[in-house]
Amino acid sequence: MQPGDLCHHGTNALPLYRVIWIHDGKAWLRDVNNGADSVVSLDRCRACGDGDVEQDLDARAKPAPLTWPDGTPRP
């Protein structure tokens, strides 16, 4: 695991965290949903090895363009 990777900790696969920094067996993590930071023991972190997770996050980060009911783009 290295900075920039996605991970989770505990028994749940959510919430997802992005690794910010690793030092002395601890990881500084940022919750990808609400931006909250936490520091946890590195042995509690489980890497998300699935690339689909990254694609899903990228898709949610880009909202669909707003359109009027007839389909024309809204300003």
PDB file of N, CA and C in Angstrom:
ATOM      1  N   MET A   1       0.842  -1.168   0.000  1.00  0.00           N
ATOM      2  CA  MET A   1       0.000   0.000   0.000  1.00  0.00           C
ATOM      3  C   MET A   1       0.891   1.237   0.000  1.00  0.00           C
ATOM      4  N   GLN A   2       0.454   2.264  -0.751  1.00  0.00           N
ATOM      5  CA  GLN A   2       1.235   3.489  -0.864  1.00  0.00           C
ATOM      6  C   GLN A   2       0.287   4.675  -0.993  1.00  0.00           C
ATOM      7  N   PRO A   3       0.780   5.894  -0.815  1.00  0.00           N
ATOM      8  CA  PRO A   3      -0.078   7.068  -0.957  1.00  0.00           C
ATOM      9  C   PRO A   3      -0.789   7.083  -2.310  1.00  0.00           C
ATOM     10  N   GLY A   4      -2.073   7.435  -2.265  1.00  0.00           N
ATOM     11  CA  GLY A   4      -2.892   7.464  -3.472  1.00  0.00           C
ATOM     12  C   GLY A   4      -3.778   6.243  -3.617  1.00  0.00           C
ATOM     13  N   ASP A   5      -3.442   5.144  -2.932  1.00  0.00           N
ATOM     14  CA  ASP A   5      -4.245   3.921  -3.021  1.00  0.00           C
ATOM     15  C   ASP A   5      -5.564   4.084  -2.275  1.00  0.00           C
ATOM     16  N   LEU A   6      -6.563   3.318  -2.690  1.00  0.00           N
ATOM     17  CA  LEU A   6      -7.831   3.243  -1.982  1.00  0.00           C
ATOM     18  C   LEU A   6      -7.795   2.052  -1.033  1.00  0.00           C
ATOM     19  N   CYS A   7      -8.408   2.219   0.128  1.00  0.00           N
ATOM     20  CA  CYS A   7      -8.454   1.122   1.090  1.00  0.00           C
ATOM     21  C   CYS A   7      -9.690   1.254   1.961  1.00  0.00           C
ATOM     22  N   HIS A   8      -9.907   0.266   2.778  1.00  0.00           N
ATOM     23  CA  HIS A   8     -10.930   0.309   3.823  1.00  0.00           C
ATOM     24  C   HIS A   8     -10.312  -0.347   5.039  1.00  0.00           C
ATOM     25  N   HIS A   9     -10.948  -0.201   6.186  1.00  0.00           N
ATOM     26  CA  HIS A   9     -10.413  -0.867   7.376  1.00  0.00           C
ATOM     27  C   HIS A   9     -11.566  -1.433   8.182  1.00  0.00           C
ATOM     28  N   GLY A  10     -11.246  -2.372   9.031  1.00  0.00           N
ATOM     29  CA  GLY A  10     -12.287  -3.079   9.763  1.00  0.00           C
ATOM     30  C   GLY A  10     -12.887  -4.172   8.914  1.00  0.00           C
ATOM     31  N   THR A  11     -14.083  -4.603   9.288  1.00  0.00           N
ATOM     32  CA  THR A  11     -14.727  -5.709   8.577  1.00  0.00           C
ATOM     33  C   THR A  11     -15.587  -5.240   7.414  1.00  0.00           C
ATOM     34  N   ASN A  12     -15.858  -3.941   7.321  1.00  0.00           N
ATOM     35  CA  ASN A  12     -16.713  -3.419   6.253  1.00  0.00           C
ATOM     36  C   ASN A  12     -15.883  -2.958   5.057  1.00  0.00           C
ATOM     37  N   ALA A  13     -16.472  -3.058   3.876  1.00  0.00           N
ATOM     38  CA  ALA A  13     -15.800  -2.566   2.675  1.00  0.00           C
ATOM     39  C   ALA A  13     -16.027  -1.066   2.502  1.00  0.00           C
ATOM     40  N   LEU A  14     -16.916  -0.505   3.294  1.00  0.00           N
ATOM     41  CA  LEU A  14     -17.184   0.928   3.251  1.00  0.00           C
ATOM     42  C   LEU A  14     -17.006   1.510   4.631  1.00  0.00           C
ATOM     43  N   PRO A  15     -16.648   2.719   4.810  1.00  0.00           N
ATOM     44  CA  PRO A  15     -16.353   3.695   3.772  1.00  0.00           C
ATOM     45  C   PRO A  15     -14.991   3.448   3.150  1.00  0.00           C
ATOM     46  N   LEU A  16     -14.800   4.047   2.004  1.00  0.00           N
ATOM     47  CA  LEU A  16     -13.516   3.967   1.318  1.00  0.00           C
ATOM     48  C   LEU A  16     -12.644   5.138   1.743  1.00  0.00           C
ATOM     49  N   TYR A  17     -11.365   4.869   1.841  1.00  0.00           N
ATOM     50  CA  TYR A  17     -10.391   5.889   2.226  1.00  0.00           C
ATOM     51  C   TYR A  17      -9.289   5.947   1.172  1.00  0.00           C
ATOM     52  N   ARG A  18      -8.738   7.140   0.977  1.00  0.00           N
ATOM     53  CA  ARG A  18      -7.563   7.304   0.130  1.00  0.00           C
ATOM     54  C   ARG A  18      -6.376   7.481   1.060  1.00  0.00           C
ATOM     55  N   VAL A  19      -5.302   6.734   0.800  1.00  0.00           N
ATOM     56  CA  VAL A  19      -4.103   6.826   1.622  1.00  0.00           C
ATOM     57  C   VAL A  19      -3.389   8.134   1.282  1.00  0.00           C
ATOM     58  N   ILE A  20      -3.142   8.937   2.319  1.00  0.00           N
ATOM     59  CA  ILE A  20      -2.446  10.207   2.134  1.00  0.00           C
ATOM     60  C   ILE A  20      -0.958  10.029   2.417  1.00  0.00           C
ATOM     61  N   TRP A  21      -0.632   9.355   3.527  1.00  0.00           N
ATOM     62  CA  TRP A  21       0.763   9.203   3.936  1.00  0.00           C
ATOM     63  C   TRP A  21       0.896   7.970   4.800  1.00  0.00           C
ATOM     64  N   ILE A  22       2.040   7.317   4.762  1.00  0.00           N
ATOM     65  CA  ILE A  22       2.343   6.158   5.607  1.00  0.00           C
ATOM     66  C   ILE A  22       3.659   6.431   6.320  1.00  0.00           C
ATOM     67  N   HIS A  23       3.661   6.210   7.648  1.00  0.00           N
ATOM     68  CA  HIS A  23       4.870   6.436   8.430  1.00  0.00           C
ATOM     69  C   HIS A  23       4.800   5.636   9.728  1.00  0.00           C
ATOM     70  N   ASP A  24       5.879   4.950  10.061  1.00  0.00           N
ATOM     71  CA  ASP A  24       6.002   4.197  11.321  1.00  0.00           C
ATOM     72  C   ASP A  24       4.812   3.279  11.607  1.00  0.00           C
ATOM     73  N   GLY A  25       4.354   2.563  10.591  1.00  0.00           N
ATOM     74  CA  GLY A  25       3.282   1.590  10.789  1.00  0.00           C
ATOM     75  C   GLY A  25       1.899   2.189  10.926  1.00  0.00           C
ATOM     76  N   LYS A  26       1.754   3.467  10.624  1.00  0.00           N
ATOM     77  CA  LYS A  26       0.445   4.123  10.667  1.00  0.00           C
ATOM     78  C   LYS A  26       0.147   4.737   9.310  1.00  0.00           C
ATOM     79  N   ALA A  27      -1.141   4.819   9.013  1.00  0.00           N
ATOM     80  CA  ALA A  27      -1.568   5.397   7.737  1.00  0.00           C
ATOM     81  C   ALA A  27      -2.492   6.580   7.995  1.00  0.00           C
ATOM     82  N   TRP A  28      -2.219   7.674   7.299  1.00  0.00           N
ATOM     83  CA  TRP A  28      -3.106   8.830   7.324  1.00  0.00           C
ATOM     84  C   TRP A  28      -4.076   8.615   6.172  1.00  0.00           C
ATOM     85  N   LEU A  29      -5.378   8.565   6.479  1.00  0.00           N
ATOM     86  CA  LEU A  29      -6.396   8.257   5.487  1.00  0.00           C
ATOM     87  C   LEU A  29      -7.384   9.406   5.370  1.00  0.00           C
ATOM     88  N   ARG A  30      -7.968   9.556   4.180  1.00  0.00           N
ATOM     89  CA  ARG A  30      -9.028  10.544   3.962  1.00  0.00           C
ATOM     90  C   ARG A  30     -10.243   9.823   3.399  1.00  0.00           C
ATOM     91  N   ASP A  31     -11.383   9.984   4.068  1.00  0.00           N
ATOM     92  CA  ASP A  31     -12.647   9.400   3.622  1.00  0.00           C
ATOM     93  C   ASP A  31     -13.013  10.034   2.284  1.00  0.00           C
ATOM     94  N   VAL A  32     -13.248   9.223   1.252  1.00  0.00           N
ATOM     95  CA  VAL A  32     -13.524   9.763  -0.084  1.00  0.00           C
ATOM     96  C   VAL A  32     -14.917  10.374  -0.177  1.00  0.00           C
ATOM     97  N   ASN A  33     -15.826  10.045   0.752  1.00  0.00           N
ATOM     98  CA  ASN A  33     -17.180  10.584   0.697  1.00  0.00           C
ATOM     99  C   ASN A  33     -17.311  11.935   1.381  1.00  0.00           C
ATOM    100  N   ASN A  34     -16.685  12.089   2.548  1.00  0.00           N
ATOM    101  CA  ASN A  34     -16.900  13.327   3.291  1.00  0.00           C
ATOM    102  C   ASN A  34     -15.619  14.116   3.566  1.00  0.00           C
ATOM    103  N   GLY A  35     -14.459  13.607   3.161  1.00  0.00           N
ATOM    104  CA  GLY A  35     -13.213  14.331   3.327  1.00  0.00           C
ATOM    105  C   GLY A  35     -12.617  14.294   4.724  1.00  0.00           C
ATOM    106  N   ALA A  36     -13.214  13.536   5.639  1.00  0.00           N
ATOM    107  CA  ALA A  36     -12.693  13.443   7.004  1.00  0.00           C
ATOM    108  C   ALA A  36     -11.390  12.647   7.020  1.00  0.00           C
ATOM    109  N   ASP A  37     -10.431  13.123   7.790  1.00  0.00           N
ATOM    110  CA  ASP A  37      -9.135  12.461   7.911  1.00  0.00           C
ATOM    111  C   ASP A  37      -9.093  11.604   9.167  1.00  0.00           C
ATOM    112  N   SER A  38      -8.299  10.561   9.103  1.00  0.00           N
ATOM    113  CA  SER A  38      -8.064   9.718  10.276  1.00  0.00           C
ATOM    114  C   SER A  38      -6.684   9.086  10.152  1.00  0.00           C
ATOM    115  N   VAL A  39      -6.149   8.689  11.294  1.00  0.00           N
ATOM    116  CA  VAL A  39      -4.870   7.980  11.329  1.00  0.00           C
ATOM    117  C   VAL A  39      -5.144   6.641  11.999  1.00  0.00           C
ATOM    118  N   VAL A  40      -4.793   5.562  11.312  1.00  0.00           N
ATOM    119  CA  VAL A  40      -5.027   4.220  11.837  1.00  0.00           C
ATOM    120  C   VAL A  40      -3.769   3.385  11.677  1.00  0.00           C
ATOM    121  N   SER A  41      -3.717   2.322  12.413  1.00  0.00           N
ATOM    122  CA  SER A  41      -2.609   1.394  12.290  1.00  0.00           C
ATOM    123  C   SER A  41      -2.648   0.760  10.902  1.00  0.00           C
ATOM    124  N   LEU A  42      -1.512   0.665  10.280  1.00  0.00           N
ATOM    125  CA  LEU A  42      -1.426   0.149   8.916  1.00  0.00           C
ATOM    126  C   LEU A  42      -1.931  -1.283   8.800  1.00  0.00           C
ATOM    127  N   ASP A  43      -1.801  -2.074   9.864  1.00  0.00           N
ATOM    128  CA  ASP A  43      -2.264  -3.464   9.785  1.00  0.00           C
ATOM    129  C   ASP A  43      -3.791  -3.572   9.758  1.00  0.00           C
ATOM    130  N   ARG A  44      -4.513  -2.496  10.022  1.00  0.00           N
ATOM    131  CA  ARG A  44      -5.979  -2.502   9.930  1.00  0.00           C
ATOM    132  C   ARG A  44      -6.473  -2.172   8.529  1.00  0.00           C
ATOM    133  N   CYS A  45      -5.594  -1.638   7.678  1.00  0.00           N
ATOM    134  CA  CYS A  45      -5.980  -1.209   6.333  1.00  0.00           C
ATOM    135  C   CYS A  45      -5.992  -2.391   5.372  1.00  0.00           C
ATOM    136  N   ARG A  46      -7.023  -2.442   4.556  1.00  0.00           N
ATOM    137  CA  ARG A  46      -7.149  -3.461   3.515  1.00  0.00           C
ATOM    138  C   ARG A  46      -7.224  -2.756   2.171  1.00  0.00           C
ATOM    139  N   ALA A  47      -6.296  -3.051   1.295  1.00  0.00           N
ATOM    140  CA  ALA A  47      -6.260  -2.401  -0.020  1.00  0.00           C
ATOM    141  C   ALA A  47      -7.444  -2.836  -0.869  1.00  0.00           C
ATOM    142  N   CYS A  48      -7.973  -1.902  -1.634  1.00  0.00           N
ATOM    143  CA  CYS A  48      -9.020  -2.191  -2.621  1.00  0.00           C
ATOM    144  C   CYS A  48      -8.299  -2.460  -3.924  1.00  0.00           C
ATOM    145  N   GLY A  49      -8.187  -3.716  -4.289  1.00  0.00           N
ATOM    146  CA  GLY A  49      -7.426  -4.088  -5.468  1.00  0.00           C
ATOM    147  C   GLY A  49      -8.215  -4.011  -6.746  1.00  0.00           C
ATOM    148  N   ASP A  50      -9.491  -3.674  -6.656  1.00  0.00           N
ATOM    149  CA  ASP A  50     -10.337  -3.681  -7.835  1.00  0.00           C
ATOM    150  C   ASP A  50     -10.320  -2.322  -8.511  1.00  0.00           C
ATOM    151  N   GLY A  51      -9.902  -2.237  -9.752  1.00  0.00           N
ATOM    152  CA  GLY A  51      -9.863  -0.982 -10.489  1.00  0.00           C
ATOM    153  C   GLY A  51     -11.238  -0.392 -10.739  1.00  0.00           C
ATOM    154  N   ASP A  52     -12.296  -1.224 -10.654  1.00  0.00           N
ATOM    155  CA  ASP A  52     -13.650  -0.725 -10.864  1.00  0.00           C
ATOM    156  C   ASP A  52     -14.031   0.302  -9.813  1.00  0.00           C
ATOM    157  N   VAL A  53     -13.495   0.174  -8.610  1.00  0.00           N
ATOM    158  CA  VAL A  53     -13.804   1.130  -7.547  1.00  0.00           C
ATOM    159  C   VAL A  53     -13.349   2.517  -7.964  1.00  0.00           C
ATOM    160  N   GLU A  54     -12.151   2.634  -8.516  1.00  0.00           N
ATOM    161  CA  GLU A  54     -11.628   3.923  -8.969  1.00  0.00           C
ATOM    162  C   GLU A  54     -12.528   4.501 -10.062  1.00  0.00           C
ATOM    163  N   GLN A  55     -12.977   3.664 -10.993  1.00  0.00           N
ATOM    164  CA  GLN A  55     -13.820   4.146 -12.077  1.00  0.00           C
ATOM    165  C   GLN A  55     -15.158   4.622 -11.540  1.00  0.00           C
ATOM    166  N   ASP A  56     -15.736   3.906 -10.570  1.00  0.00           N
ATOM    167  CA  ASP A  56     -17.004   4.307  -9.972  1.00  0.00           C
ATOM    168  C   ASP A  56     -16.863   5.661  -9.280  1.00  0.00           C
ATOM    169  N   LEU A  57     -15.764   5.869  -8.555  1.00  0.00           N
ATOM    170  CA  LEU A  57     -15.545   7.138  -7.882  1.00  0.00           C
ATOM    171  C   LEU A  57     -15.415   8.265  -8.886  1.00  0.00           C
ATOM    172  N   ASP A  58     -14.706   8.027  -9.991  1.00  0.00           N
ATOM    173  CA  ASP A  58     -14.551   9.054 -11.012  1.00  0.00           C
ATOM    174  C   ASP A  58     -15.900   9.396 -11.648  1.00  0.00           C
ATOM    175  N   ALA A  59     -16.740   8.400 -11.862  1.00  0.00           N
ATOM    176  CA  ALA A  59     -18.051   8.628 -12.467  1.00  0.00           C
ATOM    177  C   ALA A  59     -18.945   9.440 -11.532  1.00  0.00           C
ATOM    178  N   ARG A  60     -18.885   9.169 -10.225  1.00  0.00           N
ATOM    179  CA  ARG A  60     -19.699   9.923  -9.269  1.00  0.00           C
ATOM    180  C   ARG A  60     -19.190  11.344  -9.110  1.00  0.00           C
ATOM    181  N   ALA A  61     -17.923  11.576  -9.335  1.00  0.00           N
ATOM    182  CA  ALA A  61     -17.353  12.905  -9.160  1.00  0.00           C
ATOM    183  C   ALA A  61     -17.778  13.845 -10.284  1.00  0.00           C
ATOM    184  N   LYS A  62     -18.230  13.303 -11.407  1.00  0.00           N
ATOM    185  CA  LYS A  62     -18.629  14.123 -12.537  1.00  0.00           C
ATOM    186  C   LYS A  62     -20.154  14.045 -12.686  1.00  0.00           C
ATOM    187  N   PRO A  63     -20.877  15.061 -12.241  1.00  0.00           N
ATOM    188  CA  PRO A  63     -22.336  15.008 -12.350  1.00  0.00           C
ATOM    189  C   PRO A  63     -22.787  15.068 -13.808  1.00  0.00           C
ATOM    190  N   ALA A  64     -23.911  14.482 -14.049  1.00  0.00           N
ATOM    191  CA  ALA A  64     -24.475  14.513 -15.396  1.00  0.00           C
ATOM    192  C   ALA A  64     -24.883  15.949 -15.723  1.00  0.00           C
ATOM    193  N   PRO A  65     -24.741  16.366 -16.970  1.00  0.00           N
ATOM    194  CA  PRO A  65     -25.141  17.732 -17.330  1.00  0.00           C
ATOM    195  C   PRO A  65     -26.651  17.913 -17.166  1.00  0.00           C
ATOM    196  N   LEU A  66     -27.051  19.108 -16.733  1.00  0.00           N
ATOM    197  CA  LEU A  66     -28.467  19.400 -16.557  1.00  0.00           C
ATOM    198  C   LEU A  66     -29.092  19.739 -17.891  1.00  0.00           C
ATOM    199  N   THR A  67     -30.273  19.203 -18.127  1.00  0.00           N
ATOM    200  CA  THR A  67     -30.994  19.493 -19.367  1.00  0.00           C
ATOM    201  C   THR A  67     -32.436  19.839 -19.037  1.00  0.00           C
ATOM    202  N   TRP A  68     -33.069  20.566 -19.962  1.00  0.00           N
ATOM    203  CA  TRP A  68     -34.489  20.848 -19.851  1.00  0.00           C
ATOM    204  C   TRP A  68     -35.248  19.582 -20.245  1.00  0.00           C
ATOM    205  N   PRO A  69     -36.554  19.514 -19.934  1.00  0.00           N
ATOM    206  CA  PRO A  69     -37.331  18.306 -20.279  1.00  0.00           C
ATOM    207  C   PRO A  69     -37.271  17.922 -21.753  1.00  0.00           C
ATOM    208  N   ASP A  70     -37.078  18.933 -22.638  1.00  0.00           N
ATOM    209  CA  ASP A  70     -36.994  18.591 -24.062  1.00  0.00           C
ATOM    210  C   ASP A  70     -35.606  18.120 -24.480  1.00  0.00           C
ATOM    211  N   GLY A  71     -34.643  18.077 -23.532  1.00  0.00           N
ATOM    212  CA  GLY A  71     -33.317  17.573 -23.824  1.00  0.00           C
ATOM    213  C   GLY A  71     -32.255  18.621 -24.118  1.00  0.00           C
ATOM    214  N   THR A  72     -32.668  19.879 -24.242  1.00  0.00           N
ATOM    215  CA  THR A  72     -31.684  20.927 -24.502  1.00  0.00           C
ATOM    216  C   THR A  72     -30.880  21.215 -23.234  1.00  0.00           C
ATOM    217  N   PRO A  73     -29.607  21.552 -23.385  1.00  0.00           N
ATOM    218  CA  PRO A  73     -28.769  21.808 -22.211  1.00  0.00           C
ATOM    219  C   PRO A  73     -29.217  23.047 -21.439  1.00  0.00           C
ATOM    220  N   ARG A  74     -29.146  22.959 -20.121  1.00  0.00           N
ATOM    221  CA  ARG A  74     -29.441  24.103 -19.280  1.00  0.00           C
ATOM    222  C   ARG A  74     -28.163  24.882 -19.010  1.00  0.00           C
ATOM    223  N   PRO A  75     -28.275  26.213 -18.919  1.00  0.00           N
ATOM    224  CA  PRO A  75     -27.069  27.009 -18.645  1.00  0.00           C
ATOM    225  C   PRO A  75     -26.545  26.795 -17.228  1.00  0.00           C
TER     226      PRO A  75
END
